[in-house]
Amino acid sequence: MFIFDGGVLQAVTIDSLTITADEISAFRFCSPDEARDLLRPYVWNRAIAALTAIDTDRPHYRHRDDQLS
């Protein structure tokens, strides 16, 4: 799984987003606290690593073993 920072989106860009993959039925924007409550723990661990990378302005590479922590 790769997580990329798309930056801050303008309202016109958000309004034009469409779902093209068959496996995704919906999307939404939420705060980190909301995401923590919505995501499975291993996905939240990846998301928090991505948020930390944004805060520190450094990429963060997680390894498969990191999922266990």
PDB file of N, CA and C in Angstrom:
ATOM      1  N   MET A   1       0.842  -1.162   0.000  1.00  0.00           N
ATOM      2  CA  MET A   1       0.000   0.000   0.000  1.00  0.00           C
ATOM      3  C   MET A   1       0.891   1.229   0.000  1.00  0.00           C
ATOM      4  N   PHE A   2       0.585   2.167  -0.863  1.00  0.00           N
ATOM      5  CA  PHE A   2       1.280   3.439  -0.901  1.00  0.00           C
ATOM      6  C   PHE A   2       0.280   4.527  -0.546  1.00  0.00           C
ATOM      7  N   ILE A   3       0.735   5.505   0.219  1.00  0.00           N
ATOM      8  CA  ILE A   3      -0.099   6.651   0.562  1.00  0.00           C
ATOM      9  C   ILE A   3       0.651   7.880   0.090  1.00  0.00           C
ATOM     10  N   PHE A   4      -0.013   8.717  -0.714  1.00  0.00           N
ATOM     11  CA  PHE A   4       0.600   9.915  -1.244  1.00  0.00           C
ATOM     12  C   PHE A   4      -0.147  11.133  -0.749  1.00  0.00           C
ATOM     13  N   ASP A   5       0.584  12.204  -0.492  1.00  0.00           N
ATOM     14  CA  ASP A   5      -0.011  13.467  -0.081  1.00  0.00           C
ATOM     15  C   ASP A   5      -0.440  14.224  -1.329  1.00  0.00           C
ATOM     16  N   GLY A   6      -1.720  14.456  -1.447  1.00  0.00           N
ATOM     17  CA  GLY A   6      -2.249  15.189  -2.599  1.00  0.00           C
ATOM     18  C   GLY A   6      -2.325  16.685  -2.366  1.00  0.00           C
ATOM     19  N   GLY A   7      -1.822  17.138  -1.216  1.00  0.00           N
ATOM     20  CA  GLY A   7      -1.877  18.562  -0.928  1.00  0.00           C
ATOM     21  C   GLY A   7      -3.276  18.992  -0.504  1.00  0.00           C
ATOM     22  N   VAL A   8      -3.466  20.282  -0.442  1.00  0.00           N
ATOM     23  CA  VAL A   8      -4.767  20.840  -0.086  1.00  0.00           C
ATOM     24  C   VAL A   8      -5.548  21.044  -1.381  1.00  0.00           C
ATOM     25  N   LEU A   9      -6.723  20.465  -1.441  1.00  0.00           N
ATOM     26  CA  LEU A   9      -7.541  20.552  -2.649  1.00  0.00           C
ATOM     27  C   LEU A   9      -8.503  21.730  -2.569  1.00  0.00           C
ATOM     28  N   GLN A  10      -8.648  22.419  -3.678  1.00  0.00           N
ATOM     29  CA  GLN A  10      -9.624  23.495  -3.765  1.00  0.00           C
ATOM     30  C   GLN A  10     -11.016  22.895  -3.923  1.00  0.00           C
ATOM     31  N   ALA A  11     -12.038  23.646  -3.539  1.00  0.00           N
ATOM     32  CA  ALA A  11     -13.422  23.167  -3.592  1.00  0.00           C
ATOM     33  C   ALA A  11     -13.802  22.693  -4.990  1.00  0.00           C
ATOM     34  N   VAL A  12     -13.387  23.393  -6.016  1.00  0.00           N
ATOM     35  CA  VAL A  12     -13.723  23.003  -7.389  1.00  0.00           C
ATOM     36  C   VAL A  12     -13.113  21.641  -7.728  1.00  0.00           C
ATOM     37  N   THR A  13     -11.938  21.362  -7.221  1.00  0.00           N
ATOM     38  CA  THR A  13     -11.302  20.061  -7.450  1.00  0.00           C
ATOM     39  C   THR A  13     -12.045  18.973  -6.695  1.00  0.00           C
ATOM     40  N   ILE A  14     -12.396  19.249  -5.449  1.00  0.00           N
ATOM     41  CA  ILE A  14     -13.143  18.271  -4.659  1.00  0.00           C
ATOM     42  C   ILE A  14     -14.478  17.952  -5.340  1.00  0.00           C
ATOM     43  N   ASP A  15     -15.154  18.970  -5.829  1.00  0.00           N
ATOM     44  CA  ASP A  15     -16.447  18.771  -6.497  1.00  0.00           C
ATOM     45  C   ASP A  15     -16.323  17.935  -7.764  1.00  0.00           C
ATOM     46  N   SER A  16     -15.140  17.925  -8.377  1.00  0.00           N
ATOM     47  CA  SER A  16     -14.967  17.182  -9.631  1.00  0.00           C
ATOM     48  C   SER A  16     -14.443  15.758  -9.423  1.00  0.00           C
ATOM     49  N   LEU A  17     -14.168  15.371  -8.174  1.00  0.00           N
ATOM     50  CA  LEU A  17     -13.674  14.020  -7.917  1.00  0.00           C
ATOM     51  C   LEU A  17     -14.748  12.992  -8.261  1.00  0.00           C
ATOM     52  N   THR A  18     -14.332  11.935  -8.925  1.00  0.00           N
ATOM     53  CA  THR A  18     -15.247  10.845  -9.247  1.00  0.00           C
ATOM     54  C   THR A  18     -14.585   9.516  -8.899  1.00  0.00           C
ATOM     55  N   ILE A  19     -15.408   8.552  -8.608  1.00  0.00           N
ATOM     56  CA  ILE A  19     -14.915   7.203  -8.299  1.00  0.00           C
ATOM     57  C   ILE A  19     -14.880   6.422  -9.596  1.00  0.00           C
ATOM     58  N   THR A  20     -13.729   5.825  -9.900  1.00  0.00           N
ATOM     59  CA  THR A  20     -13.616   5.067 -11.135  1.00  0.00           C
ATOM     60  C   THR A  20     -13.342   3.586 -10.907  1.00  0.00           C
ATOM     61  N   ALA A  21     -12.935   3.216  -9.705  1.00  0.00           N
ATOM     62  CA  ALA A  21     -12.625   1.815  -9.424  1.00  0.00           C
ATOM     63  C   ALA A  21     -13.873   1.085  -8.937  1.00  0.00           C
ATOM     64  N   ASP A  22     -14.067  -0.145  -9.386  1.00  0.00           N
ATOM     65  CA  ASP A  22     -15.231  -0.932  -8.987  1.00  0.00           C
ATOM     66  C   ASP A  22     -15.232  -1.269  -7.503  1.00  0.00           C
ATOM     67  N   GLU A  23     -14.071  -1.276  -6.878  1.00  0.00           N
ATOM     68  CA  GLU A  23     -14.014  -1.702  -5.484  1.00  0.00           C
ATOM     69  C   GLU A  23     -14.250  -0.554  -4.500  1.00  0.00           C
ATOM     70  N   ILE A  24     -14.422   0.653  -4.983  1.00  0.00           N
ATOM     71  CA  ILE A  24     -14.683   1.800  -4.114  1.00  0.00           C
ATOM     72  C   ILE A  24     -16.098   2.286  -4.382  1.00  0.00           C
ATOM     73  N   SER A  25     -16.903   2.352  -3.334  1.00  0.00           N
ATOM     74  CA  SER A  25     -18.286   2.796  -3.522  1.00  0.00           C
ATOM     75  C   SER A  25     -18.516   4.222  -3.054  1.00  0.00           C
ATOM     76  N   ALA A  26     -17.625   4.732  -2.197  1.00  0.00           N
ATOM     77  CA  ALA A  26     -17.786   6.093  -1.689  1.00  0.00           C
ATOM     78  C   ALA A  26     -16.470   6.568  -1.091  1.00  0.00           C
ATOM     79  N   PHE A  27     -16.365   7.865  -0.907  1.00  0.00           N
ATOM     80  CA  PHE A  27     -15.218   8.430  -0.197  1.00  0.00           C
ATOM     81  C   PHE A  27     -15.703   9.630   0.596  1.00  0.00           C
ATOM     82  N   ARG A  28     -14.888  10.012   1.566  1.00  0.00           N
ATOM     83  CA  ARG A  28     -15.186  11.212   2.340  1.00  0.00           C
ATOM     84  C   ARG A  28     -13.908  11.735   2.948  1.00  0.00           C
ATOM     85  N   PHE A  29     -13.930  12.973   3.314  1.00  0.00           N
ATOM     86  CA  PHE A  29     -12.809  13.595   4.008  1.00  0.00           C
ATOM     87  C   PHE A  29     -13.148  13.599   5.490  1.00  0.00           C
ATOM     88  N   CYS A  30     -12.149  13.307   6.307  1.00  0.00           N
ATOM     89  CA  CYS A  30     -12.411  13.288   7.746  1.00  0.00           C
ATOM     90  C   CYS A  30     -11.148  13.694   8.499  1.00  0.00           C
ATOM     91  N   SER A  31     -11.333  14.019   9.750  1.00  0.00           N
ATOM     92  CA  SER A  31     -10.211  14.394  10.608  1.00  0.00           C
ATOM     93  C   SER A  31      -9.429  13.132  10.990  1.00  0.00           C
ATOM     94  N   PRO A  32      -8.211  13.294  11.471  1.00  0.00           N
ATOM     95  CA  PRO A  32      -7.461  12.125  11.947  1.00  0.00           C
ATOM     96  C   PRO A  32      -8.220  11.359  13.040  1.00  0.00           C
ATOM     97  N   ASP A  33      -8.887  12.055  13.946  1.00  0.00           N
ATOM     98  CA  ASP A  33      -9.653  11.367  14.998  1.00  0.00           C
ATOM     99  C   ASP A  33     -10.771  10.524  14.408  1.00  0.00           C
ATOM    100  N   GLU A  34     -11.467  11.064  13.411  1.00  0.00           N
ATOM    101  CA  GLU A  34     -12.526  10.289  12.748  1.00  0.00           C
ATOM    102  C   GLU A  34     -11.929   9.091  12.015  1.00  0.00           C
ATOM    103  N   ALA A  35     -10.806   9.310  11.346  1.00  0.00           N
ATOM    104  CA  ALA A  35     -10.158   8.219  10.602  1.00  0.00           C
ATOM    105  C   ALA A  35      -9.759   7.093  11.544  1.00  0.00           C
ATOM    106  N   ARG A  36      -9.208   7.447  12.697  1.00  0.00           N
ATOM    107  CA  ARG A  36      -8.804   6.427  13.674  1.00  0.00           C
ATOM    108  C   ARG A  36      -9.986   5.545  14.057  1.00  0.00           C
ATOM    109  N   ASP A  37     -11.161   6.153  14.200  1.00  0.00           N
ATOM    110  CA  ASP A  37     -12.358   5.387  14.574  1.00  0.00           C
ATOM    111  C   ASP A  37     -12.909   4.554  13.419  1.00  0.00           C
ATOM    112  N   LEU A  38     -12.640   4.967  12.193  1.00  0.00           N
ATOM    113  CA  LEU A  38     -13.210   4.298  11.022  1.00  0.00           C
ATOM    114  C   LEU A  38     -12.324   3.196  10.437  1.00  0.00           C
ATOM    115  N   LEU A  39     -11.017   3.341  10.590  1.00  0.00           N
ATOM    116  CA  LEU A  39     -10.091   2.427   9.926  1.00  0.00           C
ATOM    117  C   LEU A  39      -9.741   1.226  10.793  1.00  0.00           C
ATOM    118  N   ARG A  40      -9.410   0.148  10.129  1.00  0.00           N
ATOM    119  CA  ARG A  40      -8.881  -1.012  10.847  1.00  0.00           C
ATOM    120  C   ARG A  40      -7.541  -0.613  11.451  1.00  0.00           C
ATOM    121  N   PRO A  41      -7.166  -1.230  12.567  1.00  0.00           N
ATOM    122  CA  PRO A  41      -5.925  -0.823  13.246  1.00  0.00           C
ATOM    123  C   PRO A  41      -4.689  -0.823  12.354  1.00  0.00           C
ATOM    124  N   TYR A  42      -4.506  -1.835  11.517  1.00  0.00           N
ATOM    125  CA  TYR A  42      -3.304  -1.867  10.685  1.00  0.00           C
ATOM    126  C   TYR A  42      -3.330  -0.768   9.632  1.00  0.00           C
ATOM    127  N   VAL A  43      -4.515  -0.392   9.161  1.00  0.00           N
ATOM    128  CA  VAL A  43      -4.610   0.710   8.203  1.00  0.00           C
ATOM    129  C   VAL A  43      -4.379   2.036   8.918  1.00  0.00           C
ATOM    130  N   TRP A  44      -4.921   2.166  10.135  1.00  0.00           N
ATOM    131  CA  TRP A  44      -4.687   3.386  10.911  1.00  0.00           C
ATOM    132  C   TRP A  44      -3.197   3.567  11.182  1.00  0.00           C
ATOM    133  N   ASN A  45      -2.469   2.476  11.485  1.00  0.00           N
ATOM    134  CA  ASN A  45      -1.027   2.573  11.702  1.00  0.00           C
ATOM    135  C   ASN A  45      -0.328   3.150  10.474  1.00  0.00           C
ATOM    136  N   ARG A  46      -0.769   2.762   9.299  1.00  0.00           N
ATOM    137  CA  ARG A  46      -0.186   3.296   8.068  1.00  0.00           C
ATOM    138  C   ARG A  46      -0.572   4.760   7.884  1.00  0.00           C
ATOM    139  N   ALA A  47      -1.816   5.078   8.200  1.00  0.00           N
ATOM    140  CA  ALA A  47      -2.279   6.458   8.044  1.00  0.00           C
ATOM    141  C   ALA A  47      -1.535   7.390   8.999  1.00  0.00           C
ATOM    142  N   ILE A  48      -1.351   6.979  10.237  1.00  0.00           N
ATOM    143  CA  ILE A  48      -0.647   7.830  11.197  1.00  0.00           C
ATOM    144  C   ILE A  48       0.808   8.017  10.773  1.00  0.00           C
ATOM    145  N   ALA A  49       1.405   6.994  10.183  1.00  0.00           N
ATOM    146  CA  ALA A  49       2.767   7.142   9.662  1.00  0.00           C
ATOM    147  C   ALA A  49       2.784   8.172   8.534  1.00  0.00           C
ATOM    148  N   ALA A  50       1.778   8.163   7.678  1.00  0.00           N
ATOM    149  CA  ALA A  50       1.692   9.140   6.590  1.00  0.00           C
ATOM    150  C   ALA A  50       1.490  10.550   7.143  1.00  0.00           C
ATOM    151  N   LEU A  51       0.636  10.682   8.142  1.00  0.00           N
ATOM    152  CA  LEU A  51       0.416  11.997   8.750  1.00  0.00           C
ATOM    153  C   LEU A  51       1.683  12.505   9.428  1.00  0.00           C
ATOM    154  N   THR A  52       2.427  11.606  10.053  1.00  0.00           N
ATOM    155  CA  THR A  52       3.686  11.983  10.686  1.00  0.00           C
ATOM    156  C   THR A  52       4.693  12.437   9.634  1.00  0.00           C
ATOM    157  N   ALA A  53       4.705  11.753   8.507  1.00  0.00           N
ATOM    158  CA  ALA A  53       5.604  12.142   7.419  1.00  0.00           C
ATOM    159  C   ALA A  53       5.273  13.552   6.924  1.00  0.00           C
ATOM    160  N   ILE A  54       4.001  13.871   6.850  1.00  0.00           N
ATOM    161  CA  ILE A  54       3.607  15.223   6.432  1.00  0.00           C
ATOM    162  C   ILE A  54       4.069  16.241   7.470  1.00  0.00           C
ATOM    163  N   ASP A  55       3.838  15.944   8.742  1.00  0.00           N
ATOM    164  CA  ASP A  55       4.213  16.871   9.816  1.00  0.00           C
ATOM    165  C   ASP A  55       5.726  17.105   9.885  1.00  0.00           C
ATOM    166  N   THR A  56       6.501  16.069   9.595  1.00  0.00           N
ATOM    167  CA  THR A  56       7.957  16.176   9.703  1.00  0.00           C
ATOM    168  C   THR A  56       8.622  16.512   8.371  1.00  0.00           C
ATOM    169  N   ASP A  57       7.814  16.532   7.296  1.00  0.00           N
ATOM    170  CA  ASP A  57       8.317  16.815   5.952  1.00  0.00           C
ATOM    171  C   ASP A  57       9.392  15.815   5.530  1.00  0.00           C
ATOM    172  N   ARG A  58       9.197  14.571   5.960  1.00  0.00           N
ATOM    173  CA  ARG A  58      10.127  13.491   5.608  1.00  0.00           C
ATOM    174  C   ARG A  58       9.326  12.242   5.241  1.00  0.00           C
ATOM    175  N   PRO A  59       9.738  11.538   4.191  1.00  0.00           N
ATOM    176  CA  PRO A  59       9.050  10.294   3.868  1.00  0.00           C
ATOM    177  C   PRO A  59       9.247   9.269   4.984  1.00  0.00           C
ATOM    178  N   HIS A  60       8.290   8.415   5.127  1.00  0.00           N
ATOM    179  CA  HIS A  60       8.371   7.376   6.162  1.00  0.00           C
ATOM    180  C   HIS A  60       8.069   6.043   5.498  1.00  0.00           C
ATOM    181  N   TYR A  61       9.019   5.155   5.525  1.00  0.00           N
ATOM    182  CA  TYR A  61       8.848   3.836   4.932  1.00  0.00           C
ATOM    183  C   TYR A  61       8.533   2.838   6.037  1.00  0.00           C
ATOM    184  N   ARG A  62       7.430   2.188   5.880  1.00  0.00           N
ATOM    185  CA  ARG A  62       7.046   1.156   6.857  1.00  0.00           C
ATOM    186  C   ARG A  62       7.327  -0.203   6.228  1.00  0.00           C
ATOM    187  N   HIS A  63       7.689  -1.133   7.059  1.00  0.00           N
ATOM    188  CA  HIS A  63       7.937  -2.485   6.593  1.00  0.00           C
ATOM    189  C   HIS A  63       6.823  -3.384   7.088  1.00  0.00           C
ATOM    190  N   ARG A  64       6.680  -4.503   6.468  1.00  0.00           N
ATOM    191  CA  ARG A  64       5.621  -5.443   6.826  1.00  0.00           C
ATOM    192  C   ARG A  64       5.600  -5.739   8.330  1.00  0.00           C
ATOM    193  N   ASP A  65       6.769  -5.883   8.952  1.00  0.00           N
ATOM    194  CA  ASP A  65       6.836  -6.174  10.379  1.00  0.00           C
ATOM    195  C   ASP A  65       6.282  -5.031  11.226  1.00  0.00           C
ATOM    196  N   ASP A  66       6.303  -3.798  10.694  1.00  0.00           N
ATOM    197  CA  ASP A  66       5.789  -2.643  11.443  1.00  0.00           C
ATOM    198  C   ASP A  66       4.306  -2.794  11.736  1.00  0.00           C
ATOM    199  N   GLN A  67       3.600  -3.578  10.947  1.00  0.00           N
ATOM    200  CA  GLN A  67       2.159  -3.750  11.144  1.00  0.00           C
ATOM    201  C   GLN A  67       1.862  -4.413  12.482  1.00  0.00           C
ATOM    202  N   LEU A  68       2.813  -5.142  13.004  1.00  0.00           N
ATOM    203  CA  LEU A  68       2.576  -5.884  14.236  1.00  0.00           C
ATOM    204  C   LEU A  68       2.703  -5.004  15.469  1.00  0.00           C
ATOM    205  N   SER A  69       3.285  -3.836  15.323  1.00  0.00           N
ATOM    206  CA  SER A  69       3.475  -2.963  16.484  1.00  0.00           C
ATOM    207  C   SER A  69       2.319  -2.028  16.689  1.00  0.00           C
TER     208      SER A  69
END
